[in-house]
PDB file of N, CA and C in Angstrom:
ATOM      1  N   UNK A   1      44.409  82.976  -9.556  1.00  0.00           N
ATOM      2  CA  UNK A   1      43.941  83.930  -8.564  1.00  0.00           C
ATOM      3  C   UNK A   1      44.564  85.288  -8.860  1.00  0.00           C
ATOM      4  N   UNK A   2      43.774  86.331  -8.773  1.00  0.00           N
ATOM      5  CA  UNK A   2      44.214  87.688  -9.089  1.00  0.00           C
ATOM      6  C   UNK A   2      45.073  88.253  -7.963  1.00  0.00           C
ATOM      7  N   UNK A   3      46.201  88.848  -8.324  1.00  0.00           N
ATOM      8  CA  UNK A   3      47.073  89.487  -7.344  1.00  0.00           C
ATOM      9  C   UNK A   3      46.561  90.881  -7.041  1.00  0.00           C
ATOM     10  N   UNK A   4      46.617  91.244  -5.787  1.00  0.00           N
ATOM     11  CA  UNK A   4      46.189  92.577  -5.370  1.00  0.00           C
ATOM     12  C   UNK A   4      47.422  93.330  -4.920  1.00  0.00           C
ATOM     13  N   UNK A   5      47.719  94.433  -5.597  1.00  0.00           N
ATOM     14  CA  UNK A   5      48.903  95.205  -5.242  1.00  0.00           C
ATOM     15  C   UNK A   5      48.635  96.005  -3.979  1.00  0.00           C
ATOM     16  N   UNK A   6      49.697  96.291  -3.203  1.00  0.00           N
ATOM     17  CA  UNK A   6      49.505  97.059  -1.977  1.00  0.00           C
ATOM     18  C   UNK A   6      48.824  98.386  -2.272  1.00  0.00           C
ATOM     19  N   UNK A   7      47.845  98.716  -1.461  1.00  0.00           N
ATOM     20  CA  UNK A   7      47.141  99.977  -1.621  1.00  0.00           C
ATOM     21  C   UNK A   7      45.969  99.911  -2.582  1.00  0.00           C
ATOM     22  N   UNK A   8      45.931  98.887  -3.421  1.00  0.00           N
ATOM     23  CA  UNK A   8      44.824  98.770  -4.376  1.00  0.00           C
ATOM     24  C   UNK A   8      43.715  97.937  -3.752  1.00  0.00           C
ATOM     25  N   UNK A   9      42.502  98.467  -3.724  1.00  0.00           N
ATOM     26  CA  UNK A   9      41.410  97.676  -3.154  1.00  0.00           C
ATOM     27  C   UNK A   9      41.055  96.509  -4.069  1.00  0.00           C
ATOM     28  N   UNK A  10      40.529  95.425  -3.506  1.00  0.00           N
ATOM     29  CA  UNK A  10      40.074  94.324  -4.352  1.00  0.00           C
ATOM     30  C   UNK A  10      39.033  94.842  -5.340  1.00  0.00           C
ATOM     31  N   UNK A  11      38.968  94.277  -6.534  1.00  0.00           N
ATOM     32  CA  UNK A  11      38.061  94.794  -7.558  1.00  0.00           C
ATOM     33  C   UNK A  11      36.589  94.761  -7.153  1.00  0.00           C
ATOM     34  N   UNK A  12      36.200  93.839  -6.297  1.00  0.00           N
ATOM     35  CA  UNK A  12      34.792  93.740  -5.903  1.00  0.00           C
ATOM     36  C   UNK A  12      34.562  94.229  -4.472  1.00  0.00           C
ATOM     37  N   UNK A  13      35.389  95.142  -4.005  1.00  0.00           N
ATOM     38  CA  UNK A  13      35.305  95.614  -2.621  1.00  0.00           C
ATOM     39  C   UNK A  13      33.940  96.219  -2.299  1.00  0.00           C
ATOM     40  N   UNK A  14      33.380  96.999  -3.211  1.00  0.00           N
ATOM     41  CA  UNK A  14      32.062  97.594  -2.969  1.00  0.00           C
ATOM     42  C   UNK A  14      30.999  96.516  -2.785  1.00  0.00           C
ATOM     43  N   UNK A  15      31.047  95.489  -3.614  1.00  0.00           N
ATOM     44  CA  UNK A  15      30.071  94.399  -3.509  1.00  0.00           C
ATOM     45  C   UNK A  15      30.241  93.640  -2.195  1.00  0.00           C
ATOM     46  N   UNK A  16      31.491  93.458  -1.765  1.00  0.00           N
ATOM     47  CA  UNK A  16      31.748  92.761  -0.499  1.00  0.00           C
ATOM     48  C   UNK A  16      31.153  93.543   0.664  1.00  0.00           C
ATOM     49  N   UNK A  17      31.465  94.845   0.743  1.00  0.00           N
ATOM     50  CA  UNK A  17      30.955  95.640   1.862  1.00  0.00           C
ATOM     51  C   UNK A  17      29.438  95.804   1.794  1.00  0.00           C
ATOM     52  N   UNK A  18      28.898  95.885   0.604  1.00  0.00           N
ATOM     53  CA  UNK A  18      27.444  95.965   0.459  1.00  0.00           C
ATOM     54  C   UNK A  18      26.791  94.681   0.979  1.00  0.00           C
ATOM     55  N   UNK A  19      27.376  93.546   0.634  1.00  0.00           N
ATOM     56  CA  UNK A  19      26.844  92.265   1.112  1.00  0.00           C
ATOM     57  C   UNK A  19      26.961  92.157   2.629  1.00  0.00           C
ATOM     58  N   UNK A  20      28.061  92.641   3.182  1.00  0.00           N
ATOM     59  CA  UNK A  20      28.282  92.559   4.629  1.00  0.00           C
ATOM     60  C   UNK A  20      27.452  93.561   5.416  1.00  0.00           C
ATOM     61  N   UNK A  21      26.856  94.524   4.741  1.00  0.00           N
ATOM     62  CA  UNK A  21      26.081  95.561   5.430  1.00  0.00           C
ATOM     63  C   UNK A  21      24.777  95.026   6.015  1.00  0.00           C
ATOM     64  N   UNK A  22      24.324  93.892   5.548  1.00  0.00           N
ATOM     65  CA  UNK A  22      23.050  93.343   6.014  1.00  0.00           C
ATOM     66  C   UNK A  22      23.287  92.315   7.128  1.00  0.00           C
ATOM     67  N   UNK A  23      22.627  92.469   8.277  1.00  0.00           N
ATOM     68  CA  UNK A  23      22.849  91.539   9.391  1.00  0.00           C
ATOM     69  C   UNK A  23      22.439  90.095   9.080  1.00  0.00           C
ATOM     70  N   UNK A  24      21.422  89.912   8.247  1.00  0.00           N
ATOM     71  CA  UNK A  24      21.022  88.547   7.884  1.00  0.00           C
ATOM     72  C   UNK A  24      22.114  87.881   7.067  1.00  0.00           C
ATOM     73  N   UNK A  25      22.697  88.622   6.135  1.00  0.00           N
ATOM     74  CA  UNK A  25      23.770  88.036   5.322  1.00  0.00           C
ATOM     75  C   UNK A  25      24.999  87.731   6.176  1.00  0.00           C
ATOM     76  N   UNK A  26      25.287  88.594   7.146  1.00  0.00           N
ATOM     77  CA  UNK A  26      26.413  88.298   8.048  1.00  0.00           C
ATOM     78  C   UNK A  26      26.130  87.031   8.848  1.00  0.00           C
ATOM     79  N   UNK A  27      24.890  86.864   9.284  1.00  0.00           N
ATOM     80  CA  UNK A  27      24.520  85.657  10.029  1.00  0.00           C
ATOM     81  C   UNK A  27      24.610  84.419   9.134  1.00  0.00           C
ATOM     82  N   UNK A  28      24.220  84.555   7.880  1.00  0.00           N
ATOM     83  CA  UNK A  28      24.343  83.436   6.938  1.00  0.00           C
ATOM     84  C   UNK A  28      25.810  83.068   6.770  1.00  0.00           C
ATOM     85  N   UNK A  29      26.676  84.059   6.633  1.00  0.00           N
ATOM     86  CA  UNK A  29      28.109  83.778   6.515  1.00  0.00           C
ATOM     87  C   UNK A  29      28.630  83.078   7.765  1.00  0.00           C
ATOM     88  N   UNK A  30      28.179  83.521   8.932  1.00  0.00           N
ATOM     89  CA  UNK A  30      28.598  82.867  10.182  1.00  0.00           C
ATOM     90  C   UNK A  30      28.167  81.407  10.195  1.00  0.00           C
ATOM     91  N   UNK A  31      26.948  81.156   9.742  1.00  0.00           N
ATOM     92  CA  UNK A  31      26.469  79.772   9.682  1.00  0.00           C
ATOM     93  C   UNK A  31      27.293  78.962   8.694  1.00  0.00           C
ATOM     94  N   UNK A  32      27.603  79.546   7.536  1.00  0.00           N
ATOM     95  CA  UNK A  32      28.372  78.821   6.519  1.00  0.00           C
ATOM     96  C   UNK A  32      29.820  78.597   6.951  1.00  0.00           C
ATOM     97  N   UNK A  33      30.296  79.373   7.896  1.00  0.00           N
ATOM     98  CA  UNK A  33      31.654  79.168   8.415  1.00  0.00           C
ATOM     99  C   UNK A  33      31.764  77.821   9.132  1.00  0.00           C
ATOM    100  N   UNK A  34      30.636  77.264   9.553  1.00  0.00           N
ATOM    101  CA  UNK A  34      30.651  75.953  10.217  1.00  0.00           C
ATOM    102  C   UNK A  34      30.527  74.805   9.223  1.00  0.00           C
ATOM    103  N   UNK A  35      30.223  75.115   7.964  1.00  0.00           N
ATOM    104  CA  UNK A  35      30.099  74.082   6.939  1.00  0.00           C
ATOM    105  C   UNK A  35      29.018  74.441   5.936  1.00  0.00           C
ATOM    106  N   UNK A  36      29.014  73.722   4.823  1.00  0.00           N
ATOM    107  CA  UNK A  36      28.045  74.031   3.772  1.00  0.00           C
ATOM    108  C   UNK A  36      26.623  73.775   4.255  1.00  0.00           C
ATOM    109  N   UNK A  37      25.684  74.440   3.595  1.00  0.00           N
ATOM    110  CA  UNK A  37      24.277  74.315   3.979  1.00  0.00           C
ATOM    111  C   UNK A  37      23.395  74.574   2.773  1.00  0.00           C
ATOM    112  N   UNK A  38      22.241  73.935   2.772  1.00  0.00           N
ATOM    113  CA  UNK A  38      21.252  74.175   1.719  1.00  0.00           C
ATOM    114  C   UNK A  38      20.427  75.405   2.084  1.00  0.00           C
ATOM    115  N   UNK A  39      19.657  75.884   1.125  1.00  0.00           N
ATOM    116  CA  UNK A  39      18.771  77.025   1.381  1.00  0.00           C
ATOM    117  C   UNK A  39      17.808  76.679   2.512  1.00  0.00           C
ATOM    118  N   UNK A  40      17.291  75.462   2.504  1.00  0.00           N
ATOM    119  CA  UNK A  40      16.371  75.032   3.561  1.00  0.00           C
ATOM    120  C   UNK A  40      17.069  75.052   4.925  1.00  0.00           C
ATOM    121  N   UNK A  41      18.311  74.553   4.972  1.00  0.00           N
ATOM    122  CA  UNK A  41      19.077  74.574   6.227  1.00  0.00           C
ATOM    123  C   UNK A  41      19.234  76.005   6.740  1.00  0.00           C
ATOM    124  N   UNK A  42      19.484  76.921   5.818  1.00  0.00           N
ATOM    125  CA  UNK A  42      19.717  78.316   6.205  1.00  0.00           C
ATOM    126  C   UNK A  42      18.421  79.029   6.585  1.00  0.00           C
ATOM    127  N   UNK A  43      17.321  78.660   5.949  1.00  0.00           N
ATOM    128  CA  UNK A  43      16.051  79.351   6.197  1.00  0.00           C
ATOM    129  C   UNK A  43      15.490  79.048   7.581  1.00  0.00           C
ATOM    130  N   UNK A  44      15.688  77.840   8.062  1.00  0.00           N
ATOM    131  CA  UNK A  44      15.063  77.401   9.314  1.00  0.00           C
ATOM    132  C   UNK A  44      15.383  78.297  10.517  1.00  0.00           C
ATOM    133  N   UNK A  45      16.650  78.525  10.857  1.00  0.00           N
ATOM    134  CA  UNK A  45      16.908  79.331  12.059  1.00  0.00           C
ATOM    135  C   UNK A  45      16.549  80.807  11.899  1.00  0.00           C
ATOM    136  N   UNK A  46      16.411  81.273  10.672  1.00  0.00           N
ATOM    137  CA  UNK A  46      16.127  82.685  10.440  1.00  0.00           C
ATOM    138  C   UNK A  46      14.638  82.981  10.355  1.00  0.00           C
ATOM    139  N   UNK A  47      13.800  81.947  10.430  1.00  0.00           N
ATOM    140  CA  UNK A  47      12.357  82.135  10.289  1.00  0.00           C
ATOM    141  C   UNK A  47      12.071  82.969   9.038  1.00  0.00           C
ATOM    142  N   UNK A  48      12.663  82.507   7.941  1.00  0.00           N
ATOM    143  CA  UNK A  48      12.614  83.239   6.678  1.00  0.00           C
ATOM    144  C   UNK A  48      12.251  82.251   5.576  1.00  0.00           C
ATOM    145  N   UNK A  49      11.578  82.730   4.561  1.00  0.00           N
ATOM    146  CA  UNK A  49      11.217  81.852   3.446  1.00  0.00           C
ATOM    147  C   UNK A  49      12.464  81.471   2.655  1.00  0.00           C
ATOM    148  N   UNK A  50      12.373  80.349   1.963  1.00  0.00           N
ATOM    149  CA  UNK A  50      13.491  79.918   1.125  1.00  0.00           C
ATOM    150  C   UNK A  50      13.801  80.926   0.020  1.00  0.00           C
ATOM    151  N   UNK A  51      12.786  81.515  -0.644  1.00  0.00           N
ATOM    152  CA  UNK A  51      13.103  82.524  -1.657  1.00  0.00           C
ATOM    153  C   UNK A  51      13.849  83.734  -1.077  1.00  0.00           C
ATOM    154  N   UNK A  52      13.511  84.134   0.143  1.00  0.00           N
ATOM    155  CA  UNK A  52      14.207  85.269   0.765  1.00  0.00           C
ATOM    156  C   UNK A  52      15.664  84.915   1.037  1.00  0.00           C
ATOM    157  N   UNK A  53      15.908  83.699   1.524  1.00  0.00           N
ATOM    158  CA  UNK A  53      17.286  83.256   1.766  1.00  0.00           C
ATOM    159  C   UNK A  53      18.032  83.167   0.439  1.00  0.00           C
ATOM    160  N   UNK A  54      17.363  82.674  -0.602  1.00  0.00           N
ATOM    161  CA  UNK A  54      17.999  82.588  -1.928  1.00  0.00           C
ATOM    162  C   UNK A  54      18.435  83.961  -2.424  1.00  0.00           C
ATOM    163  N   UNK A  55      17.618  84.978  -2.178  1.00  0.00           N
ATOM    164  CA  UNK A  55      17.996  86.340  -2.589  1.00  0.00           C
ATOM    165  C   UNK A  55      19.245  86.802  -1.847  1.00  0.00           C
ATOM    166  N   UNK A  56      19.306  86.521  -0.551  1.00  0.00           N
ATOM    167  CA  UNK A  56      20.496  86.883   0.220  1.00  0.00           C
ATOM    168  C   UNK A  56      21.720  86.126  -0.304  1.00  0.00           C
ATOM    169  N   UNK A  57      21.546  84.847  -0.615  1.00  0.00           N
ATOM    170  CA  UNK A  57      22.658  84.056  -1.141  1.00  0.00           C
ATOM    171  C   UNK A  57      23.145  84.597  -2.481  1.00  0.00           C
ATOM    172  N   UNK A  58      22.239  85.068  -3.314  1.00  0.00           N
ATOM    173  CA  UNK A  58      22.641  85.635  -4.609  1.00  0.00           C
ATOM    174  C   UNK A  58      23.509  86.875  -4.413  1.00  0.00           C
ATOM    175  N   UNK A  59      23.161  87.706  -3.441  1.00  0.00           N
ATOM    176  CA  UNK A  59      23.983  88.891  -3.147  1.00  0.00           C
ATOM    177  C   UNK A  59      25.368  88.449  -2.681  1.00  0.00           C
ATOM    178  N   UNK A  60      25.407  87.446  -1.809  1.00  0.00           N
ATOM    179  CA  UNK A  60      26.686  86.938  -1.307  1.00  0.00           C
ATOM    180  C   UNK A  60      27.503  86.292  -2.428  1.00  0.00           C
ATOM    181  N   UNK A  61      26.829  85.607  -3.349  1.00  0.00           N
ATOM    182  CA  UNK A  61      27.517  85.007  -4.500  1.00  0.00           C
ATOM    183  C   UNK A  61      28.112  86.087  -5.401  1.00  0.00           C
ATOM    184  N   UNK A  62      27.327  87.128  -5.697  1.00  0.00           N
ATOM    185  CA  UNK A  62      27.825  88.212  -6.561  1.00  0.00           C
ATOM    186  C   UNK A  62      29.042  88.890  -5.937  1.00  0.00           C
ATOM    187  N   UNK A  63      29.080  88.939  -4.621  1.00  0.00           N
ATOM    188  CA  UNK A  63      30.226  89.535  -3.927  1.00  0.00           C
ATOM    189  C   UNK A  63      31.403  88.564  -3.873  1.00  0.00           C
ATOM    190  N   UNK A  64      31.172  87.317  -4.269  1.00  0.00           N
ATOM    191  CA  UNK A  64      32.236  86.324  -4.259  1.00  0.00           C
ATOM    192  C   UNK A  64      32.462  85.688  -2.895  1.00  0.00           C
ATOM    193  N   UNK A  65      31.568  85.936  -1.946  1.00  0.00           N
ATOM    194  CA  UNK A  65      31.746  85.428  -0.584  1.00  0.00           C
ATOM    195  C   UNK A  65      31.214  84.014  -0.396  1.00  0.00           C
ATOM    196  N   UNK A  66      30.369  83.581  -1.325  1.00  0.00           N
ATOM    197  CA  UNK A  66      29.726  82.270  -1.236  1.00  0.00           C
ATOM    198  C   UNK A  66      29.745  81.641  -2.618  1.00  0.00           C
ATOM    199  N   UNK A  67      29.883  80.326  -2.650  1.00  0.00           N
ATOM    200  CA  UNK A  67      29.722  79.600  -3.910  1.00  0.00           C
ATOM    201  C   UNK A  67      28.711  78.487  -3.685  1.00  0.00           C
ATOM    202  N   UNK A  68      28.014  78.137  -4.750  1.00  0.00           N
ATOM    203  CA  UNK A  68      26.993  77.094  -4.657  1.00  0.00           C
ATOM    204  C   UNK A  68      27.240  76.054  -5.731  1.00  0.00           C
ATOM    205  N   UNK A  69      27.020  74.804  -5.358  1.00  0.00           N
ATOM    206  CA  UNK A  69      27.151  73.686  -6.282  1.00  0.00           C
ATOM    207  C   UNK A  69      25.781  73.112  -6.573  1.00  0.00           C
ATOM    208  N   UNK A  70      25.698  72.383  -7.668  1.00  0.00           N
ATOM    209  CA  UNK A  70      24.479  71.644  -7.960  1.00  0.00           C
ATOM    210  C   UNK A  70      24.764  70.202  -7.580  1.00  0.00           C
ATOM    211  N   UNK A  71      24.059  69.729  -6.573  1.00  0.00           N
ATOM    212  CA  UNK A  71      24.255  68.372  -6.070  1.00  0.00           C
ATOM    213  C   UNK A  71      22.897  67.682  -6.094  1.00  0.00           C
ATOM    214  N   UNK A  72      22.622  67.001  -7.197  1.00  0.00           N
ATOM    215  CA  UNK A  72      21.314  66.372  -7.418  1.00  0.00           C
ATOM    216  C   UNK A  72      20.236  67.449  -7.333  1.00  0.00           C
ATOM    217  N   UNK A  73      19.407  67.421  -6.303  1.00  0.00           N
ATOM    218  CA  UNK A  73      18.321  68.384  -6.195  1.00  0.00           C
ATOM    219  C   UNK A  73      18.657  69.517  -5.232  1.00  0.00           C
ATOM    220  N   UNK A  74      19.794  69.421  -4.600  1.00  0.00           N
ATOM    221  CA  UNK A  74      20.208  70.465  -3.648  1.00  0.00           C
ATOM    222  C   UNK A  74      21.220  71.397  -4.313  1.00  0.00           C
ATOM    223  N   UNK A  75      21.324  72.588  -3.802  1.00  0.00           N
ATOM    224  CA  UNK A  75      22.378  73.509  -4.232  1.00  0.00           C
ATOM    225  C   UNK A  75      23.070  74.013  -2.972  1.00  0.00           C
ATOM    226  N   UNK A  76      23.936  73.179  -2.373  1.00  0.00           N
ATOM    227  CA  UNK A  76      24.568  73.591  -1.122  1.00  0.00           C
ATOM    228  C   UNK A  76      25.455  74.821  -1.322  1.00  0.00           C
ATOM    229  N   UNK A  77      25.408  75.689  -0.337  1.00  0.00           N
ATOM    230  CA  UNK A  77      26.232  76.903  -0.356  1.00  0.00           C
ATOM    231  C   UNK A  77      27.403  76.701   0.589  1.00  0.00           C
ATOM    232  N   UNK A  78      28.537  77.272   0.217  1.00  0.00           N
ATOM    233  CA  UNK A  78      29.710  77.206   1.093  1.00  0.00           C
ATOM    234  C   UNK A  78      30.426  78.547   1.062  1.00  0.00           C
ATOM    235  N   UNK A  79      31.101  78.819   2.138  1.00  0.00           N
ATOM    236  CA  UNK A  79      31.827  80.067   2.309  1.00  0.00           C
ATOM    237  C   UNK A  79      33.094  80.068   1.467  1.00  0.00           C
ATOM    238  N   UNK A  80      33.408  81.196   0.850  1.00  0.00           N
ATOM    239  CA  UNK A  80      34.681  81.393   0.155  1.00  0.00           C
ATOM    240  C   UNK A  80      35.452  82.445   0.947  1.00  0.00           C
ATOM    241  N   UNK A  81      36.569  82.058   1.504  1.00  0.00           N
ATOM    242  CA  UNK A  81      37.299  82.935   2.420  1.00  0.00           C
ATOM    243  C   UNK A  81      38.151  83.986   1.703  1.00  0.00           C
ATOM    244  N   UNK A  82      38.632  83.729   0.512  1.00  0.00           N
ATOM    245  CA  UNK A  82      39.591  84.625  -0.141  1.00  0.00           C
ATOM    246  C   UNK A  82      39.075  86.048  -0.316  1.00  0.00           C
ATOM    247  N   UNK A  83      37.855  86.265  -0.800  1.00  0.00           N
ATOM    248  CA  UNK A  83      37.394  87.653  -0.947  1.00  0.00           C
ATOM    249  C   UNK A  83      37.327  88.396   0.388  1.00  0.00           C
ATOM    250  N   UNK A  84      36.939  87.698   1.441  1.00  0.00           N
ATOM    251  CA  UNK A  84      36.888  88.316   2.762  1.00  0.00           C
ATOM    252  C   UNK A  84      38.310  88.668   3.212  1.00  0.00           C
ATOM    253  N   UNK A  85      39.251  87.776   2.946  1.00  0.00           N
ATOM    254  CA  UNK A  85      40.642  88.033   3.313  1.00  0.00           C
ATOM    255  C   UNK A  85      41.178  89.251   2.568  1.00  0.00           C
ATOM    256  N   UNK A  86      40.793  89.412   1.315  1.00  0.00           N
ATOM    257  CA  UNK A  86      41.235  90.575   0.539  1.00  0.00           C
ATOM    258  C   UNK A  86      40.683  91.863   1.140  1.00  0.00           C
ATOM    259  N   UNK A  87      39.433  91.838   1.587  1.00  0.00           N
ATOM    260  CA  UNK A  87      38.835  93.027   2.213  1.00  0.00           C
ATOM    261  C   UNK A  87      39.521  93.337   3.540  1.00  0.00           C
ATOM    262  N   UNK A  88      39.825  92.299   4.312  1.00  0.00           N
ATOM    263  CA  UNK A  88      40.515  92.494   5.596  1.00  0.00           C
ATOM    264  C   UNK A  88      41.903  93.080   5.358  1.00  0.00           C
ATOM    265  N   UNK A  89      42.600  92.581   4.355  1.00  0.00           N
ATOM    266  CA  UNK A  89      43.927  93.108   4.028  1.00  0.00           C
ATOM    267  C   UNK A  89      43.839  94.588   3.687  1.00  0.00           C
ATOM    268  N   UNK A  90      42.836  94.958   2.908  1.00  0.00           N
ATOM    269  CA  UNK A  90      42.657  96.364   2.549  1.00  0.00           C
ATOM    270  C   UNK A  90      42.377  97.198   3.794  1.00  0.00           C
ATOM    271  N   UNK A  91      41.531  96.699   4.688  1.00  0.00           N
ATOM    272  CA  UNK A  91      41.211  97.415   5.928  1.00  0.00           C
ATOM    273  C   UNK A  91      42.425  97.541   6.843  1.00  0.00           C
ATOM    274  N   UNK A  92      43.303  96.542   6.826  1.00  0.00           N
ATOM    275  CA  UNK A  92      44.501  96.562   7.670  1.00  0.00           C
ATOM    276  C   UNK A  92      45.355  97.800   7.416  1.00  0.00           C
ATOM    277  N   UNK A  93      45.393  98.240   6.169  1.00  0.00           N
ATOM    278  CA  UNK A  93      46.176  99.437   5.850  1.00  0.00           C
ATOM    279  C   UNK A  93      45.686 100.630   6.667  1.00  0.00           C
ATOM    280  N   UNK A  94      44.411 100.699   6.913  1.00  0.00           N
ATOM    281  CA  UNK A  94      43.839 101.813   7.666  1.00  0.00           C
ATOM    282  C   UNK A  94      44.004 101.622   9.167  1.00  0.00           C
ATOM    283  N   UNK A  95      44.090 100.374   9.612  1.00  0.00           N
ATOM    284  CA  UNK A  95      44.333 100.116  11.027  1.00  0.00           C
ATOM    285  C   UNK A  95      45.662 100.721  11.441  1.00  0.00           C
ATOM    286  N   UNK A  96      46.671 100.591  10.597  1.00  0.00           N
ATOM    287  CA  UNK A  96      47.981 101.169  10.901  1.00  0.00           C
ATOM    288  C   UNK A  96      47.878 102.690  11.019  1.00  0.00           C
ATOM    289  N   UNK A  97      47.108 103.304  10.139  1.00  0.00           N
ATOM    290  CA  UNK A  97      46.902 104.750  10.202  1.00  0.00           C
ATOM    291  C   UNK A  97      46.250 105.131  11.520  1.00  0.00           C
ATOM    292  N   UNK A  98      45.179 104.413  11.889  1.00  0.00           N
ATOM    293  CA  UNK A  98      44.464 104.742  13.123  1.00  0.00           C
ATOM    294  C   UNK A  98      45.318 104.460  14.343  1.00  0.00           C
ATOM    295  N   UNK A  99      46.118 103.402  14.315  1.00  0.00           N
ATOM    296  CA  UNK A  99      47.002 103.110  15.450  1.00  0.00           C
ATOM    297  C   UNK A  99      47.975 104.253  15.664  1.00  0.00           C
ATOM    298  N   UNK A 100      48.557 104.757  14.579  1.00  0.00           N
ATOM    299  CA  UNK A 100      49.495 105.885  14.693  1.00  0.00           C
ATOM    300  C   UNK A 100      48.769 107.121  15.215  1.00  0.00           C
ATOM    301  N   UNK A 101      47.559 107.356  14.743  1.00  0.00           N
ATOM    302  CA  UNK A 101      46.784 108.511  15.208  1.00  0.00           C
ATOM    303  C   UNK A 101      46.453 108.386  16.693  1.00  0.00           C
ATOM    304  N   UNK A 102      46.094 107.189  17.125  1.00  0.00           N
ATOM    305  CA  UNK A 102      45.789 106.982  18.542  1.00  0.00           C
ATOM    306  C   UNK A 102      47.043 107.142  19.399  1.00  0.00           C
ATOM    307  N   UNK A 103      48.188 106.698  18.886  1.00  0.00           N
ATOM    308  CA  UNK A 103      49.445 106.886  19.619  1.00  0.00           C
ATOM    309  C   UNK A 103      49.740 108.372  19.792  1.00  0.00           C
ATOM    310  N   UNK A 104      49.529 109.148  18.733  1.00  0.00           N
ATOM    311  CA  UNK A 104      49.749 110.597  18.824  1.00  0.00           C
ATOM    312  C   UNK A 104      48.775 111.235  19.809  1.00  0.00           C
ATOM    313  N   UNK A 105      47.540 110.801  19.798  1.00  0.00           N
ATOM    314  CA  UNK A 105      46.547 111.320  20.737  1.00  0.00           C
ATOM    315  C   UNK A 105      46.931 110.960  22.167  1.00  0.00           C
ATOM    316  N   UNK A 106      47.412 109.744  22.360  1.00  0.00           N
ATOM    317  CA  UNK A 106      47.877 109.309  23.678  1.00  0.00           C
ATOM    318  C   UNK A 106      48.999 110.214  24.180  1.00  0.00           C
ATOM    319  N   UNK A 107      49.956 110.504  23.303  1.00  0.00           N
ATOM    320  CA  UNK A 107      51.070 111.382  23.675  1.00  0.00           C
ATOM    321  C   UNK A 107      50.561 112.773  24.045  1.00  0.00           C
ATOM    322  N   UNK A 108      49.640 113.302  23.262  1.00  0.00           N
ATOM    323  CA  UNK A 108      49.080 114.624  23.535  1.00  0.00           C
ATOM    324  C   UNK A 108      48.369 114.652  24.883  1.00  0.00           C
ATOM    325  N   UNK A 109      47.576 113.621  25.159  1.00  0.00           N
ATOM    326  CA  UNK A 109      46.866 113.557  26.438  1.00  0.00           C
ATOM    327  C   UNK A 109      47.836 113.443  27.611  1.00  0.00           C
ATOM    328  N   UNK A 110      48.914 112.670  27.434  1.00  0.00           N
ATOM    329  CA  UNK A 110      49.939 112.582  28.483  1.00  0.00           C
ATOM    330  C   UNK A 110      50.576 113.944  28.727  1.00  0.00           C
ATOM    331  N   UNK A 111      50.896 114.666  27.648  1.00  0.00           N
ATOM    332  CA  UNK A 111      51.489 116.004  27.786  1.00  0.00           C
ATOM    333  C   UNK A 111      50.535 116.944  28.517  1.00  0.00           C
ATOM    334  N   UNK A 112      49.253 116.892  28.164  1.00  0.00           N
ATOM    335  CA  UNK A 112      48.265 117.757  28.811  1.00  0.00           C
ATOM    336  C   UNK A 112      48.119 117.404  30.293  1.00  0.00           C
ATOM    337  N   UNK A 113      48.123 116.120  30.586  1.00  0.00           N
ATOM    338  CA  UNK A 113      48.005 115.667  31.975  1.00  0.00           C
ATOM    339  C   UNK A 113      49.216 116.127  32.781  1.00  0.00           C
ATOM    340  N   UNK A 114      50.407 115.965  32.215  1.00  0.00           N
ATOM    341  CA  UNK A 114      51.633 116.394  32.901  1.00  0.00           C
ATOM    342  C   UNK A 114      51.643 117.900  33.112  1.00  0.00           C
ATOM    343  N   UNK A 115      51.212 118.650  32.111  1.00  0.00           N
ATOM    344  CA  UNK A 115      51.169 120.112  32.234  1.00  0.00           C
ATOM    345  C   UNK A 115      50.178 120.524  33.320  1.00  0.00           C
ATOM    346  N   UNK A 116      49.044 119.843  33.396  1.00  0.00           N
ATOM    347  CA  UNK A 116      48.045 120.156  34.423  1.00  0.00           C
ATOM    348  C   UNK A 116      48.579 119.837  35.811  1.00  0.00           C
ATOM    349  N   UNK A 117      49.294 118.730  35.933  1.00  0.00           N
ATOM    350  CA  UNK A 117      49.860 118.354  37.231  1.00  0.00           C
ATOM    351  C   UNK A 117      50.953 119.333  37.654  1.00  0.00           C
ATOM    352  N   UNK A 118      51.761 119.776  36.702  1.00  0.00           N
ATOM    353  CA  UNK A 118      52.807 120.761  37.013  1.00  0.00           C
ATOM    354  C   UNK A 118      52.186 122.083  37.432  1.00  0.00           C
ATOM    355  N   UNK A 119      51.080 122.451  36.815  1.00  0.00           N
ATOM    356  CA  UNK A 119      50.380 123.693  37.161  1.00  0.00           C
ATOM    357  C   UNK A 119      49.807 123.642  38.565  1.00  0.00           C
ATOM    358  N   UNK A 120      49.424 122.463  39.025  1.00  0.00           N
ATOM    359  CA  UNK A 120      48.859 122.321  40.367  1.00  0.00           C
ATOM    360  C   UNK A 120      49.939 122.366  41.439  1.00  0.00           C
ATOM    361  N   UNK A 121      51.159 121.954  41.099  1.00  0.00           N
ATOM    362  CA  UNK A 121      52.232 121.925  42.100  1.00  0.00           C
ATOM    363  C   UNK A 121      52.927 123.264  42.238  1.00  0.00           C
ATOM    364  N   UNK A 122      52.651 124.218  41.383  1.00  0.00           N
ATOM    365  CA  UNK A 122      53.299 125.538  41.467  1.00  0.00           C
ATOM    366  C   UNK A 122      52.563 126.451  42.385  1.00  0.00           C
TER     367      UNK A 122
END
């Protein structure tokens, strides 16, 4: 497994976010989080053709979010959590930045509120 140094985005980060940008692919990932499924299993609730689901699965596979096996005549798909975890880790770095920014904004708003209240009591 490839090590990701702090601050360095995963090598396939663009592919991961591109795959996650589509609501159907996100729904497929949610379904696969409950267990593996065939293309037919995935197509049914989406009212989508099997070839259309296969295209979505190929995008998810290229992003490393899904893997498929050959099991006789089926090719069950299953979720791969590691690439998603790498993307979340990368995003976490920015959460800390935004948390600090929100804390500073909170302090500024408190100062403004206190100044306004002091102005009213004079």
